[in-house]
Every structure is written in C-alpha cells, then in structure tokens.
Amino acid sequence: MILEAHRYAQKNGVVATDDTSLIEFIGKKVAIVEGSYDNIKITTKEDIYLAEFILKK
C-alpha cells in the first residue's frame, strides 16, 4: 500500500510530509496503534547513541 501511495504521488506530483499522508491521499485508512518509546527512528548521529543505550538495557 505504501508503494502504491508513493508511486501515485510521484506520478501526480503529490507532496506529503510522511507515508501516512500519502496513504490517506489515495483514500485508504490509517490506524494508530500503541507502541513503545524504545521503538525509535534513527535520523541523526545522536539517535545512534540512544539506540545503543536502549540495546544495553
């Protein structure tokens, strides 16, 4: 579904801030599920340090 949404966006010049926006744009529903604060996204060098700390716990 994410690939479908990204392909549609690319083909039609749709700009979005994240995958969920693209999914909603093609008319699909997005669900929010409870997660863990330890499930982080690594985007900066500092995030690597946090990930290492979490792995050591």
PDB file of N, CA and C in Angstrom:
ATOM      1  N   MET A   1       0.821  -1.183   0.000  1.00  0.00           N
ATOM      2  CA  MET A   1       0.000   0.000   0.000  1.00  0.00           C
ATOM      3  C   MET A   1       0.875   1.262   0.000  1.00  0.00           C
ATOM      4  N   ILE A   2       1.978   1.204   0.755  1.00  0.00           N
ATOM      5  CA  ILE A   2       2.872   2.364   0.799  1.00  0.00           C
ATOM      6  C   ILE A   2       3.500   2.593  -0.569  1.00  0.00           C
ATOM      7  N   LEU A   3       3.918   1.520  -1.225  1.00  0.00           N
ATOM      8  CA  LEU A   3       4.483   1.659  -2.565  1.00  0.00           C
ATOM      9  C   LEU A   3       3.462   2.252  -3.529  1.00  0.00           C
ATOM     10  N   GLU A   4       2.245   1.770  -3.444  1.00  0.00           N
ATOM     11  CA  GLU A   4       1.173   2.296  -4.293  1.00  0.00           C
ATOM     12  C   GLU A   4       1.009   3.796  -4.064  1.00  0.00           C
ATOM     13  N   ALA A   5       0.995   4.203  -2.815  1.00  0.00           N
ATOM     14  CA  ALA A   5       0.821   5.608  -2.475  1.00  0.00           C
ATOM     15  C   ALA A   5       1.992   6.456  -2.978  1.00  0.00           C
ATOM     16  N   HIS A   6       3.208   5.947  -2.818  1.00  0.00           N
ATOM     17  CA  HIS A   6       4.381   6.691  -3.287  1.00  0.00           C
ATOM     18  C   HIS A   6       4.409   6.787  -4.811  1.00  0.00           C
ATOM     19  N   ARG A   7       4.050   5.707  -5.476  1.00  0.00           N
ATOM     20  CA  ARG A   7       4.019   5.740  -6.943  1.00  0.00           C
ATOM     21  C   ARG A   7       2.975   6.729  -7.438  1.00  0.00           C
ATOM     22  N   TYR A   8       1.811   6.725  -6.790  1.00  0.00           N
ATOM     23  CA  TYR A   8       0.763   7.673  -7.159  1.00  0.00           C
ATOM     24  C   TYR A   8       1.247   9.111  -6.953  1.00  0.00           C
ATOM     25  N   ALA A   9       1.881   9.350  -5.820  1.00  0.00           N
ATOM     26  CA  ALA A   9       2.371  10.696  -5.515  1.00  0.00           C
ATOM     27  C   ALA A   9       3.403  11.139  -6.537  1.00  0.00           C
ATOM     28  N   GLN A  10       4.323  10.260  -6.877  1.00  0.00           N
ATOM     29  CA  GLN A  10       5.364  10.617  -7.839  1.00  0.00           C
ATOM     30  C   GLN A  10       4.757  10.912  -9.209  1.00  0.00           C
ATOM     31  N   LYS A  11       3.824  10.082  -9.611  1.00  0.00           N
ATOM     32  CA  LYS A  11       3.201  10.238 -10.925  1.00  0.00           C
ATOM     33  C   LYS A  11       2.368  11.514 -11.013  1.00  0.00           C
ATOM     34  N   ASN A  12       1.761  11.908  -9.894  1.00  0.00           N
ATOM     35  CA  ASN A  12       0.831  13.030  -9.903  1.00  0.00           C
ATOM     36  C   ASN A  12       1.358  14.286  -9.213  1.00  0.00           C
ATOM     37  N   GLY A  13       2.624  14.293  -8.863  1.00  0.00           N
ATOM     38  CA  GLY A  13       3.215  15.484  -8.262  1.00  0.00           C
ATOM     39  C   GLY A  13       2.706  15.811  -6.876  1.00  0.00           C
ATOM     40  N   VAL A  14       2.277  14.791  -6.150  1.00  0.00           N
ATOM     41  CA  VAL A  14       1.775  14.986  -4.791  1.00  0.00           C
ATOM     42  C   VAL A  14       2.958  15.100  -3.833  1.00  0.00           C
ATOM     43  N   VAL A  15       2.931  16.108  -2.976  1.00  0.00           N
ATOM     44  CA  VAL A  15       3.973  16.293  -1.972  1.00  0.00           C
ATOM     45  C   VAL A  15       3.343  16.079  -0.598  1.00  0.00           C
ATOM     46  N   ALA A  16       3.997  15.257   0.231  1.00  0.00           N
ATOM     47  CA  ALA A  16       3.479  14.971   1.570  1.00  0.00           C
ATOM     48  C   ALA A  16       4.642  14.920   2.548  1.00  0.00           C
ATOM     49  N   THR A  17       4.319  15.056   3.814  1.00  0.00           N
ATOM     50  CA  THR A  17       5.359  15.057   4.842  1.00  0.00           C
ATOM     51  C   THR A  17       5.693  13.669   5.355  1.00  0.00           C
ATOM     52  N   ASP A  18       4.814  12.680   5.121  1.00  0.00           N
ATOM     53  CA  ASP A  18       5.085  11.329   5.609  1.00  0.00           C
ATOM     54  C   ASP A  18       4.237  10.308   4.865  1.00  0.00           C
ATOM     55  N   ASP A  19       4.522   9.033   5.127  1.00  0.00           N
ATOM     56  CA  ASP A  19       3.811   7.944   4.461  1.00  0.00           C
ATOM     57  C   ASP A  19       2.318   7.963   4.755  1.00  0.00           C
ATOM     58  N   THR A  20       1.939   8.268   5.992  1.00  0.00           N
ATOM     59  CA  THR A  20       0.514   8.232   6.327  1.00  0.00           C
ATOM     60  C   THR A  20      -0.272   9.270   5.531  1.00  0.00           C
ATOM     61  N   SER A  21       0.324  10.405   5.293  1.00  0.00           N
ATOM     62  CA  SER A  21      -0.356  11.424   4.482  1.00  0.00           C
ATOM     63  C   SER A  21      -0.608  10.907   3.070  1.00  0.00           C
ATOM     64  N   LEU A  22       0.371  10.206   2.524  1.00  0.00           N
ATOM     65  CA  LEU A  22       0.207   9.653   1.183  1.00  0.00           C
ATOM     66  C   LEU A  22      -0.865   8.566   1.154  1.00  0.00           C
ATOM     67  N   ILE A  23      -0.878   7.730   2.165  1.00  0.00           N
ATOM     68  CA  ILE A  23      -1.894   6.676   2.249  1.00  0.00           C
ATOM     69  C   ILE A  23      -3.287   7.294   2.295  1.00  0.00           C
ATOM     70  N   GLU A  24      -3.466   8.294   3.139  1.00  0.00           N
ATOM     71  CA  GLU A  24      -4.769   8.968   3.233  1.00  0.00           C
ATOM     72  C   GLU A  24      -5.116   9.658   1.920  1.00  0.00           C
ATOM     73  N   PHE A  25      -4.124  10.172   1.220  1.00  0.00           N
ATOM     74  CA  PHE A  25      -4.374  10.864  -0.038  1.00  0.00           C
ATOM     75  C   PHE A  25      -4.976   9.944  -1.086  1.00  0.00           C
ATOM     76  N   ILE A  26      -4.600   8.657  -1.081  1.00  0.00           N
ATOM     77  CA  ILE A  26      -5.165   7.718  -2.056  1.00  0.00           C
ATOM     78  C   ILE A  26      -6.464   7.088  -1.543  1.00  0.00           C
ATOM     79  N   GLY A  27      -6.977   7.607  -0.426  1.00  0.00           N
ATOM     80  CA  GLY A  27      -8.282   7.177   0.062  1.00  0.00           C
ATOM     81  C   GLY A  27      -8.283   5.985   0.992  1.00  0.00           C
ATOM     82  N   LYS A  28      -7.140   5.611   1.499  1.00  0.00           N
ATOM     83  CA  LYS A  28      -7.074   4.469   2.421  1.00  0.00           C
ATOM     84  C   LYS A  28      -7.059   4.975   3.858  1.00  0.00           C
ATOM     85  N   LYS A  29      -7.462   4.098   4.782  1.00  0.00           N
ATOM     86  CA  LYS A  29      -7.479   4.463   6.198  1.00  0.00           C
ATOM     87  C   LYS A  29      -6.150   4.120   6.859  1.00  0.00           C
ATOM     88  N   VAL A  30      -5.790   4.948   7.818  1.00  0.00           N
ATOM     89  CA  VAL A  30      -4.574   4.744   8.605  1.00  0.00           C
ATOM     90  C   VAL A  30      -4.995   4.520  10.053  1.00  0.00           C
ATOM     91  N   ALA A  31      -4.417   3.523  10.682  1.00  0.00           N
ATOM     92  CA  ALA A  31      -4.730   3.234  12.080  1.00  0.00           C
ATOM     93  C   ALA A  31      -3.546   3.624  12.954  1.00  0.00           C
ATOM     94  N   ILE A  32      -3.861   4.077  14.129  1.00  0.00           N
ATOM     95  CA  ILE A  32      -2.828   4.391  15.117  1.00  0.00           C
ATOM     96  C   ILE A  32      -2.822   3.254  16.130  1.00  0.00           C
ATOM     97  N   VAL A  33      -1.645   2.695  16.361  1.00  0.00           N
ATOM     98  CA  VAL A  33      -1.518   1.600  17.317  1.00  0.00           C
ATOM     99  C   VAL A  33      -0.543   2.001  18.419  1.00  0.00           C
ATOM    100  N   GLU A  34      -0.776   1.463  19.592  1.00  0.00           N
ATOM    101  CA  GLU A  34       0.106   1.758  20.716  1.00  0.00           C
ATOM    102  C   GLU A  34       1.465   1.116  20.475  1.00  0.00           C
ATOM    103  N   GLY A  35       2.489   1.858  20.749  1.00  0.00           N
ATOM    104  CA  GLY A  35       3.836   1.348  20.535  1.00  0.00           C
ATOM    105  C   GLY A  35       4.695   1.550  21.763  1.00  0.00           C
ATOM    106  N   SER A  36       5.988   1.525  21.549  1.00  0.00           N
ATOM    107  CA  SER A  36       6.947   1.673  22.633  1.00  0.00           C
ATOM    108  C   SER A  36       7.854   2.854  22.342  1.00  0.00           C
ATOM    109  N   TYR A  37       8.215   3.599  23.372  1.00  0.00           N
ATOM    110  CA  TYR A  37       9.146   4.704  23.207  1.00  0.00           C
ATOM    111  C   TYR A  37      10.537   4.204  22.829  1.00  0.00           C
ATOM    112  N   ASP A  38      10.793   2.918  23.048  1.00  0.00           N
ATOM    113  CA  ASP A  38      12.074   2.335  22.664  1.00  0.00           C
ATOM    114  C   ASP A  38      12.150   2.036  21.161  1.00  0.00           C
ATOM    115  N   ASN A  39      11.031   2.119  20.461  1.00  0.00           N
ATOM    116  CA  ASN A  39      10.994   1.881  19.025  1.00  0.00           C
ATOM    117  C   ASN A  39      11.269   3.216  18.325  1.00  0.00           C
ATOM    118  N   ILE A  40      12.558   3.547  18.222  1.00  0.00           N
ATOM    119  CA  ILE A  40      12.941   4.860  17.711  1.00  0.00           C
ATOM    120  C   ILE A  40      13.335   4.781  16.239  1.00  0.00           C
ATOM    121  N   LYS A  41      13.313   5.941  15.604  1.00  0.00           N
ATOM    122  CA  LYS A  41      13.786   6.075  14.227  1.00  0.00           C
ATOM    123  C   LYS A  41      15.143   6.763  14.287  1.00  0.00           C
ATOM    124  N   ILE A  42      16.112   6.193  13.622  1.00  0.00           N
ATOM    125  CA  ILE A  42      17.450   6.776  13.649  1.00  0.00           C
ATOM    126  C   ILE A  42      17.599   7.715  12.451  1.00  0.00           C
ATOM    127  N   THR A  43      17.698   9.009  12.771  1.00  0.00           N
ATOM    128  CA  THR A  43      17.843  10.011  11.716  1.00  0.00           C
ATOM    129  C   THR A  43      19.040  10.927  11.943  1.00  0.00           C
ATOM    130  N   THR A  44      19.573  10.920  13.145  1.00  0.00           N
ATOM    131  CA  THR A  44      20.723  11.769  13.442  1.00  0.00           C
ATOM    132  C   THR A  44      21.785  10.937  14.163  1.00  0.00           C
ATOM    133  N   LYS A  45      22.981  11.489  14.248  1.00  0.00           N
ATOM    134  CA  LYS A  45      24.075  10.809  14.942  1.00  0.00           C
ATOM    135  C   LYS A  45      23.712  10.569  16.408  1.00  0.00           C
ATOM    136  N   GLU A  46      23.006  11.508  17.010  1.00  0.00           N
ATOM    137  CA  GLU A  46      22.615  11.375  18.414  1.00  0.00           C
ATOM    138  C   GLU A  46      21.665  10.200  18.619  1.00  0.00           C
ATOM    139  N   ASP A  47      20.849   9.905  17.612  1.00  0.00           N
ATOM    140  CA  ASP A  47      19.920   8.777  17.715  1.00  0.00           C
ATOM    141  C   ASP A  47      20.668   7.455  17.860  1.00  0.00           C
ATOM    142  N   ILE A  48      21.838   7.363  17.285  1.00  0.00           N
ATOM    143  CA  ILE A  48      22.637   6.137  17.402  1.00  0.00           C
ATOM    144  C   ILE A  48      23.024   5.901  18.856  1.00  0.00           C
ATOM    145  N   TYR A  49      23.408   6.978  19.547  1.00  0.00           N
ATOM    146  CA  TYR A  49      23.745   6.847  20.970  1.00  0.00           C
ATOM    147  C   TYR A  49      22.539   6.378  21.775  1.00  0.00           C
ATOM    148  N   LEU A  50      21.375   6.928  21.473  1.00  0.00           N
ATOM    149  CA  LEU A  50      20.154   6.499  22.162  1.00  0.00           C
ATOM    150  C   LEU A  50      19.855   5.039  21.872  1.00  0.00           C
ATOM    151  N   ALA A  51      20.007   4.621  20.628  1.00  0.00           N
ATOM    152  CA  ALA A  51      19.769   3.232  20.258  1.00  0.00           C
ATOM    153  C   ALA A  51      20.718   2.292  21.000  1.00  0.00           C
ATOM    154  N   GLU A  52      21.982   2.674  21.094  1.00  0.00           N
ATOM    155  CA  GLU A  52      22.940   1.853  21.836  1.00  0.00           C
ATOM    156  C   GLU A  52      22.556   1.731  23.292  1.00  0.00           C
ATOM    157  N   PHE A  53      22.083   2.829  23.877  1.00  0.00           N
ATOM    158  CA  PHE A  53      21.640   2.805  25.275  1.00  0.00           C
ATOM    159  C   PHE A  53      20.447   1.850  25.448  1.00  0.00           C
ATOM    160  N   ILE A  54      19.496   1.935  24.534  1.00  0.00           N
ATOM    161  CA  ILE A  54      18.312   1.074  24.605  1.00  0.00           C
ATOM    162  C   ILE A  54      18.713  -0.401  24.469  1.00  0.00           C
ATOM    163  N   LEU A  55      19.623  -0.691  23.562  1.00  0.00           N
ATOM    164  CA  LEU A  55      20.053  -2.076  23.352  1.00  0.00           C
ATOM    165  C   LEU A  55      20.768  -2.650  24.570  1.00  0.00           C
ATOM    166  N   LYS A  56      21.432  -1.792  25.325  1.00  0.00           N
ATOM    167  CA  LYS A  56      22.153  -2.250  26.522  1.00  0.00           C
ATOM    168  C   LYS A  56      21.229  -2.494  27.705  1.00  0.00           C
ATOM    169  N   LYS A  57      20.008  -1.970  27.656  1.00  0.00           N
ATOM    170  CA  LYS A  57      19.069  -2.140  28.773  1.00  0.00           C
ATOM    171  C   LYS A  57      18.692  -3.594  28.970  1.00  0.00           C
TER     172      LYS A  57
END
